[in-house]
Amino acid sequence: MDPAAEHRQQLRSLRDFLLVYNRMTELCFRHCVCSLNYRLLTGREVSGARRPGPQAGCPPPLTPCPPQESCLDSCAARLVRANHRLMGAYVGLVPALLQRRAAEHAAAAGTAAPPAAAEPAPGPAEGAPAAGT
C-alpha cells in the first residue's frame, strides 16, 4: 500500500473513532446529567434522589436522578460493549461480503468480455527432442 493511501486510511480510522466517541459522549451526557446549575455535583445527583419536576434531557420526573459518576461509567461501558459486539459481527461478515463481491465482479467481467480459450499457451512441441541431446 502506498504511503498516501495508508495515510488516508489512518485518517478515515481516526475520523470513525472520533465520531463514535463523540456520539457516545453525547448520549451518556444527555442520559446522566440533569442539571448544569452548579459547578460541583449536587446531593441529588450524587445520591440519586428523586427530582421534583421534569427537566430537559432527563428521565421522567418520578424516576430517580441517576448518580452521575456511576451513571456515566455504566453508560459508557454499555456502549463500548455494544460497539465491540457490533464490530465482532462486522469482522465476521466482511470476508463473506468480499467473496460475494469478488464473485459478482468476476461474473460481470466474464459476461462483458468474450470467454478466454481454455487451451494452454503455445510452448515447445511435445515429443520434440530437447536441445543438447
N, C-alpha and C. Protein backbone atom coordinates (compact mmCIF):
# COMPACT_ATOMS: atom_id res chain seq x y z
N MET A 1 0.86 -1.17 0.00
CA MET A 1 0.00 0.00 0.00
C MET A 1 0.91 1.23 0.00
N ASP A 2 0.59 2.17 -0.87
CA ASP A 2 1.43 3.35 -0.95
C ASP A 2 1.19 4.25 0.26
N PRO A 3 2.16 5.10 0.58
CA PRO A 3 2.05 5.94 1.79
C PRO A 3 0.83 6.87 1.79
N ALA A 4 0.45 7.40 0.64
CA ALA A 4 -0.71 8.31 0.60
C ALA A 4 -2.00 7.55 0.93
N ALA A 5 -2.16 6.34 0.39
CA ALA A 5 -3.36 5.55 0.67
C ALA A 5 -3.37 5.12 2.13
N GLU A 6 -2.20 4.78 2.66
CA GLU A 6 -2.12 4.40 4.08
C GLU A 6 -2.49 5.57 4.97
N HIS A 7 -2.02 6.76 4.61
CA HIS A 7 -2.34 7.97 5.38
C HIS A 7 -3.84 8.25 5.34
N ARG A 8 -4.47 8.11 4.16
CA ARG A 8 -5.91 8.32 4.05
C ARG A 8 -6.68 7.30 4.90
N GLN A 9 -6.20 6.05 4.91
CA GLN A 9 -6.85 5.02 5.71
C GLN A 9 -6.74 5.34 7.20
N GLN A 10 -5.57 5.82 7.63
CA GLN A 10 -5.40 6.20 9.04
C GLN A 10 -6.31 7.36 9.41
N LEU A 11 -6.42 8.34 8.53
CA LEU A 11 -7.32 9.48 8.79
C LEU A 11 -8.77 9.02 8.85
N ARG A 12 -9.16 8.11 7.97
CA ARG A 12 -10.52 7.58 7.98
C ARG A 12 -10.81 6.83 9.29
N SER A 13 -9.82 6.05 9.74
CA SER A 13 -9.99 5.32 11.00
C SER A 13 -10.11 6.28 12.18
N LEU A 14 -9.27 7.31 12.20
CA LEU A 14 -9.34 8.30 13.27
C LEU A 14 -10.68 9.02 13.25
N ARG A 15 -11.15 9.39 12.08
CA ARG A 15 -12.44 10.06 11.96
C ARG A 15 -13.57 9.17 12.48
N ASP A 16 -13.56 7.89 12.10
CA ASP A 16 -14.59 6.96 12.57
C ASP A 16 -14.55 6.83 14.09
N PHE A 17 -13.34 6.72 14.65
CA PHE A 17 -13.22 6.62 16.11
C PHE A 17 -13.77 7.86 16.79
N LEU A 18 -13.41 9.03 16.28
CA LEU A 18 -13.88 10.27 16.90
C LEU A 18 -15.40 10.42 16.78
N LEU A 19 -15.98 9.99 15.68
CA LEU A 19 -17.44 10.05 15.55
C LEU A 19 -18.12 9.14 16.58
N VAL A 20 -17.60 7.94 16.76
CA VAL A 20 -18.17 7.02 17.75
C VAL A 20 -18.00 7.59 19.15
N TYR A 21 -16.82 8.13 19.45
CA TYR A 21 -16.54 8.69 20.77
C TYR A 21 -17.46 9.88 21.05
N ASN A 22 -17.61 10.77 20.09
CA ASN A 22 -18.48 11.95 20.29
C ASN A 22 -19.93 11.55 20.47
N ARG A 23 -20.38 10.57 19.71
CA ARG A 23 -21.77 10.13 19.84
C ARG A 23 -22.00 9.49 21.21
N MET A 24 -21.04 8.67 21.65
CA MET A 24 -21.15 8.04 22.96
C MET A 24 -21.17 9.10 24.07
N THR A 25 -20.30 10.07 23.97
CA THR A 25 -20.24 11.14 24.97
C THR A 25 -21.56 11.90 25.03
N GLU A 26 -22.11 12.23 23.87
CA GLU A 26 -23.37 12.96 23.84
C GLU A 26 -24.52 12.15 24.44
N LEU A 27 -24.61 10.87 24.07
CA LEU A 27 -25.69 10.03 24.60
C LEU A 27 -25.60 9.90 26.12
N CYS A 28 -24.41 9.61 26.63
CA CYS A 28 -24.26 9.43 28.07
C CYS A 28 -24.47 10.75 28.82
N PHE A 29 -24.01 11.85 28.26
CA PHE A 29 -24.21 13.14 28.92
C PHE A 29 -25.69 13.45 29.02
N ARG A 30 -26.42 13.27 27.93
CA ARG A 30 -27.86 13.57 27.95
C ARG A 30 -28.62 12.64 28.90
N HIS A 31 -28.15 11.41 29.04
CA HIS A 31 -28.83 10.46 29.91
C HIS A 31 -28.53 10.71 31.38
N CYS A 32 -27.30 11.11 31.69
CA CYS A 32 -26.87 11.13 33.09
C CYS A 32 -26.83 12.51 33.75
N VAL A 33 -26.65 13.56 33.01
CA VAL A 33 -26.52 14.90 33.61
C VAL A 33 -27.88 15.58 33.62
N CYS A 34 -28.34 15.93 34.81
CA CYS A 34 -29.68 16.50 34.95
C CYS A 34 -29.69 18.01 35.15
N SER A 35 -28.60 18.56 35.64
CA SER A 35 -28.59 19.99 35.93
C SER A 35 -27.20 20.54 35.71
N LEU A 36 -27.13 21.70 35.10
CA LEU A 36 -25.85 22.38 34.90
C LEU A 36 -25.79 23.67 35.71
N ASN A 37 -26.60 23.75 36.77
CA ASN A 37 -26.68 24.97 37.56
C ASN A 37 -25.50 25.16 38.51
N TYR A 38 -24.78 24.09 38.83
CA TYR A 38 -23.71 24.17 39.82
C TYR A 38 -22.43 23.57 39.25
N ARG A 39 -21.31 24.05 39.75
CA ARG A 39 -20.02 23.55 39.31
C ARG A 39 -19.79 22.12 39.79
N LEU A 40 -20.17 21.83 41.03
CA LEU A 40 -19.99 20.50 41.60
C LEU A 40 -21.30 19.73 41.50
N LEU A 41 -21.22 18.43 41.69
CA LEU A 41 -22.43 17.61 41.69
C LEU A 41 -23.29 17.99 42.88
N THR A 42 -24.58 18.04 42.66
CA THR A 42 -25.49 18.32 43.76
C THR A 42 -25.73 17.04 44.54
N GLY A 43 -26.26 17.17 45.77
CA GLY A 43 -26.55 15.99 46.58
C GLY A 43 -27.54 15.08 45.89
N ARG A 44 -28.49 15.67 45.16
CA ARG A 44 -29.48 14.88 44.45
C ARG A 44 -28.83 14.04 43.35
N GLU A 45 -27.86 14.62 42.66
CA GLU A 45 -27.19 13.88 41.59
C GLU A 45 -26.26 12.81 42.14
N VAL A 46 -25.65 13.05 43.27
CA VAL A 46 -24.75 12.06 43.86
C VAL A 46 -25.54 10.91 44.46
N SER A 47 -26.63 11.22 45.18
CA SER A 47 -27.36 10.17 45.88
C SER A 47 -28.42 9.51 45.02
N GLY A 48 -28.84 10.16 43.94
CA GLY A 48 -29.89 9.59 43.12
C GLY A 48 -31.27 9.88 43.66
N ALA A 49 -31.42 10.96 44.44
CA ALA A 49 -32.74 11.31 45.00
C ALA A 49 -33.69 11.70 43.88
N ARG A 50 -34.98 11.66 44.18
CA ARG A 50 -35.98 11.97 43.16
C ARG A 50 -35.97 13.46 42.83
N ARG A 51 -36.18 13.73 41.57
CA ARG A 51 -36.25 15.12 41.11
C ARG A 51 -37.67 15.65 41.31
N PRO A 52 -37.83 16.94 41.57
CA PRO A 52 -39.15 17.49 41.79
C PRO A 52 -39.98 17.64 40.53
N GLY A 53 -39.39 17.84 39.38
CA GLY A 53 -40.17 18.08 38.17
C GLY A 53 -39.38 17.71 36.93
N PRO A 54 -40.03 17.80 35.76
CA PRO A 54 -39.35 17.42 34.53
C PRO A 54 -38.24 18.40 34.18
N GLN A 55 -37.17 17.84 33.66
CA GLN A 55 -36.06 18.65 33.20
C GLN A 55 -35.68 18.16 31.82
N ALA A 56 -35.26 19.07 30.98
CA ALA A 56 -34.91 18.70 29.61
C ALA A 56 -33.76 17.71 29.59
N GLY A 57 -33.89 16.65 28.82
CA GLY A 57 -32.82 15.69 28.65
C GLY A 57 -32.72 14.65 29.74
N CYS A 58 -33.61 14.67 30.74
CA CYS A 58 -33.55 13.71 31.83
C CYS A 58 -34.73 12.77 31.77
N PRO A 59 -34.63 11.64 32.46
CA PRO A 59 -35.77 10.71 32.50
C PRO A 59 -36.99 11.38 33.12
N PRO A 60 -38.16 10.74 33.05
CA PRO A 60 -39.39 11.33 33.62
C PRO A 60 -39.22 11.73 35.08
N PRO A 61 -40.02 12.67 35.58
CA PRO A 61 -39.79 13.27 36.89
C PRO A 61 -39.93 12.31 38.08
N LEU A 62 -40.65 11.24 37.96
CA LEU A 62 -40.82 10.36 39.12
C LEU A 62 -39.74 9.31 39.23
N THR A 63 -38.82 9.29 38.31
CA THR A 63 -37.71 8.34 38.40
C THR A 63 -36.54 9.03 39.10
N PRO A 64 -35.70 8.27 39.79
CA PRO A 64 -34.57 8.90 40.45
C PRO A 64 -33.57 9.47 39.46
N CYS A 65 -32.95 10.54 39.85
CA CYS A 65 -31.88 11.11 39.04
C CYS A 65 -30.68 10.18 39.22
N PRO A 66 -30.15 9.62 38.14
CA PRO A 66 -29.05 8.67 38.32
C PRO A 66 -27.81 9.36 38.87
N PRO A 67 -27.10 8.71 39.80
CA PRO A 67 -25.84 9.29 40.26
C PRO A 67 -24.92 9.44 39.05
N GLN A 68 -24.38 10.64 38.86
CA GLN A 68 -23.68 10.94 37.61
C GLN A 68 -22.48 10.05 37.34
N GLU A 69 -21.60 9.92 38.32
CA GLU A 69 -20.36 9.19 38.04
C GLU A 69 -20.65 7.74 37.70
N SER A 70 -21.47 7.07 38.52
CA SER A 70 -21.76 5.67 38.22
C SER A 70 -22.62 5.56 36.97
N CYS A 71 -23.49 6.53 36.73
CA CYS A 71 -24.31 6.51 35.53
C CYS A 71 -23.43 6.64 34.29
N LEU A 72 -22.48 7.57 34.33
CA LEU A 72 -21.59 7.75 33.19
C LEU A 72 -20.73 6.51 32.96
N ASP A 73 -20.24 5.90 34.04
CA ASP A 73 -19.43 4.69 33.90
C ASP A 73 -20.24 3.56 33.27
N SER A 74 -21.44 3.34 33.77
CA SER A 74 -22.23 2.23 33.25
C SER A 74 -22.72 2.52 31.83
N CYS A 75 -23.03 3.77 31.54
CA CYS A 75 -23.48 4.14 30.20
C CYS A 75 -22.35 3.91 29.19
N ALA A 76 -21.16 4.39 29.52
CA ALA A 76 -20.02 4.22 28.62
C ALA A 76 -19.70 2.73 28.46
N ALA A 77 -19.76 1.98 29.54
CA ALA A 77 -19.46 0.54 29.46
C ALA A 77 -20.48 -0.18 28.57
N ARG A 78 -21.75 0.18 28.69
CA ARG A 78 -22.78 -0.44 27.84
C ARG A 78 -22.52 -0.14 26.37
N LEU A 79 -22.21 1.11 26.06
CA LEU A 79 -21.98 1.48 24.67
C LEU A 79 -20.71 0.85 24.11
N VAL A 80 -19.67 0.73 24.94
CA VAL A 80 -18.44 0.08 24.48
C VAL A 80 -18.70 -1.40 24.20
N ARG A 81 -19.44 -2.07 25.10
CA ARG A 81 -19.77 -3.49 24.87
C ARG A 81 -20.59 -3.66 23.59
N ALA A 82 -21.56 -2.77 23.39
CA ALA A 82 -22.38 -2.84 22.18
C ALA A 82 -21.53 -2.63 20.93
N ASN A 83 -20.59 -1.68 21.01
CA ASN A 83 -19.72 -1.42 19.87
C ASN A 83 -18.82 -2.62 19.60
N HIS A 84 -18.33 -3.28 20.64
CA HIS A 84 -17.49 -4.47 20.46
C HIS A 84 -18.29 -5.58 19.80
N ARG A 85 -19.53 -5.79 20.24
CA ARG A 85 -20.37 -6.82 19.62
C ARG A 85 -20.63 -6.50 18.15
N LEU A 86 -20.91 -5.23 17.87
CA LEU A 86 -21.16 -4.81 16.51
C LEU A 86 -19.93 -5.01 15.63
N MET A 87 -18.77 -4.62 16.12
CA MET A 87 -17.54 -4.79 15.34
C MET A 87 -17.20 -6.26 15.17
N GLY A 88 -17.48 -7.10 16.17
CA GLY A 88 -17.26 -8.54 16.04
C GLY A 88 -18.12 -9.13 14.94
N ALA A 89 -19.38 -8.72 14.89
CA ALA A 89 -20.28 -9.20 13.83
C ALA A 89 -19.81 -8.70 12.47
N TYR A 90 -19.36 -7.46 12.42
CA TYR A 90 -18.87 -6.87 11.18
C TYR A 90 -17.65 -7.62 10.67
N VAL A 91 -16.71 -7.90 11.56
CA VAL A 91 -15.49 -8.62 11.17
C VAL A 91 -15.85 -10.03 10.69
N GLY A 92 -16.86 -10.63 11.29
CA GLY A 92 -17.28 -11.96 10.86
C GLY A 92 -17.96 -11.95 9.50
N LEU A 93 -18.63 -10.86 9.15
CA LEU A 93 -19.36 -10.80 7.88
C LEU A 93 -18.54 -10.27 6.72
N VAL A 94 -17.50 -9.51 6.98
CA VAL A 94 -16.74 -8.88 5.90
C VAL A 94 -16.15 -9.90 4.92
N PRO A 95 -15.50 -10.98 5.37
CA PRO A 95 -14.94 -11.92 4.39
C PRO A 95 -16.00 -12.48 3.43
N ALA A 96 -17.17 -12.82 3.94
CA ALA A 96 -18.23 -13.33 3.08
C ALA A 96 -18.70 -12.26 2.09
N LEU A 97 -18.81 -11.01 2.55
CA LEU A 97 -19.22 -9.93 1.65
C LEU A 97 -18.18 -9.70 0.56
N LEU A 98 -16.90 -9.74 0.94
CA LEU A 98 -15.84 -9.54 -0.05
C LEU A 98 -15.82 -10.67 -1.06
N GLN A 99 -16.03 -11.91 -0.62
CA GLN A 99 -16.07 -13.04 -1.55
C GLN A 99 -17.24 -12.89 -2.52
N ARG A 100 -18.40 -12.50 -2.01
CA ARG A 100 -19.56 -12.34 -2.87
C ARG A 100 -19.34 -11.23 -3.89
N ARG A 101 -18.75 -10.11 -3.45
CA ARG A 101 -18.46 -9.02 -4.38
C ARG A 101 -17.47 -9.45 -5.44
N ALA A 102 -16.43 -10.20 -5.03
CA ALA A 102 -15.45 -10.68 -6.00
C ALA A 102 -16.10 -11.61 -7.01
N ALA A 103 -16.99 -12.50 -6.54
CA ALA A 103 -17.69 -13.41 -7.45
C ALA A 103 -18.60 -12.63 -8.40
N GLU A 104 -19.30 -11.62 -7.89
CA GLU A 104 -20.17 -10.80 -8.74
C GLU A 104 -19.34 -10.04 -9.77
N HIS A 105 -18.20 -9.51 -9.34
CA HIS A 105 -17.33 -8.77 -10.25
C HIS A 105 -16.78 -9.70 -11.33
N ALA A 106 -16.37 -10.90 -10.93
CA ALA A 106 -15.85 -11.87 -11.90
C ALA A 106 -16.95 -12.28 -12.87
N ALA A 107 -18.16 -12.48 -12.38
CA ALA A 107 -19.28 -12.84 -13.25
C ALA A 107 -19.59 -11.71 -14.22
N ALA A 108 -19.57 -10.48 -13.74
CA ALA A 108 -19.84 -9.33 -14.60
C ALA A 108 -18.73 -9.17 -15.63
N ALA A 109 -17.50 -9.39 -15.25
CA ALA A 109 -16.38 -9.29 -16.18
C ALA A 109 -16.44 -10.44 -17.18
N GLY A 110 -16.89 -11.60 -16.75
CA GLY A 110 -16.99 -12.76 -17.64
C GLY A 110 -18.06 -12.58 -18.69
N THR A 111 -19.17 -11.95 -18.36
CA THR A 111 -20.24 -11.76 -19.33
C THR A 111 -19.95 -10.59 -20.26
N ALA A 112 -19.17 -9.61 -19.81
CA ALA A 112 -18.87 -8.45 -20.63
C ALA A 112 -17.79 -8.77 -21.66
N ALA A 113 -16.82 -9.60 -21.31
CA ALA A 113 -15.73 -9.93 -22.21
C ALA A 113 -15.98 -11.32 -22.79
N PRO A 114 -15.51 -11.59 -24.00
CA PRO A 114 -15.66 -12.93 -24.54
C PRO A 114 -14.85 -13.91 -23.72
N PRO A 115 -15.33 -15.14 -23.56
CA PRO A 115 -14.60 -16.10 -22.74
C PRO A 115 -13.25 -16.42 -23.35
N ALA A 116 -12.26 -16.51 -22.51
CA ALA A 116 -10.90 -16.81 -22.95
C ALA A 116 -10.80 -18.29 -23.27
N ALA A 117 -9.92 -18.63 -24.20
CA ALA A 117 -9.73 -20.03 -24.58
C ALA A 117 -9.10 -20.78 -23.42
N ALA A 118 -9.54 -22.00 -23.24
CA ALA A 118 -9.03 -22.80 -22.14
C ALA A 118 -7.79 -23.58 -22.54
N GLU A 119 -7.28 -23.36 -23.75
CA GLU A 119 -6.09 -24.08 -24.21
C GLU A 119 -4.85 -23.46 -23.60
N PRO A 120 -3.82 -24.29 -23.34
CA PRO A 120 -2.59 -23.75 -22.78
C PRO A 120 -1.87 -22.90 -23.81
N ALA A 121 -1.03 -22.03 -23.32
CA ALA A 121 -0.26 -21.17 -24.19
C ALA A 121 0.72 -22.00 -25.01
N PRO A 122 1.02 -21.56 -26.24
CA PRO A 122 1.93 -22.34 -27.06
C PRO A 122 3.31 -22.40 -26.42
N GLY A 123 3.92 -23.55 -26.49
CA GLY A 123 5.25 -23.76 -25.93
C GLY A 123 6.00 -24.73 -26.81
N PRO A 124 7.05 -25.29 -26.28
CA PRO A 124 7.80 -26.25 -27.10
C PRO A 124 6.91 -27.43 -27.46
N ALA A 125 7.08 -27.95 -28.61
CA ALA A 125 6.25 -29.05 -29.08
C ALA A 125 6.51 -30.28 -28.24
N GLU A 126 5.43 -31.00 -27.96
CA GLU A 126 5.58 -32.19 -27.16
C GLU A 126 6.23 -33.28 -28.00
N GLY A 127 7.08 -34.03 -27.39
CA GLY A 127 7.73 -35.14 -28.08
C GLY A 127 8.94 -34.70 -28.89
N ALA A 128 9.22 -33.40 -28.98
CA ALA A 128 10.39 -32.94 -29.70
C ALA A 128 11.60 -33.15 -28.82
N PRO A 129 12.70 -33.47 -29.42
CA PRO A 129 13.89 -33.67 -28.61
C PRO A 129 14.34 -32.36 -27.97
N ALA A 130 14.78 -32.46 -26.75
CA ALA A 130 15.26 -31.28 -26.04
C ALA A 130 16.57 -30.85 -26.63
N ALA A 131 16.85 -29.57 -26.52
CA ALA A 131 18.08 -29.03 -27.06
C ALA A 131 19.26 -29.63 -26.31
N GLY A 132 20.28 -29.99 -27.06
CA GLY A 132 21.51 -30.50 -26.44
C GLY A 132 21.48 -31.99 -26.24
N THR A 133 20.51 -32.76 -26.82
CA THR A 133 20.53 -34.21 -26.65
C THR A 133 20.85 -34.91 -27.91
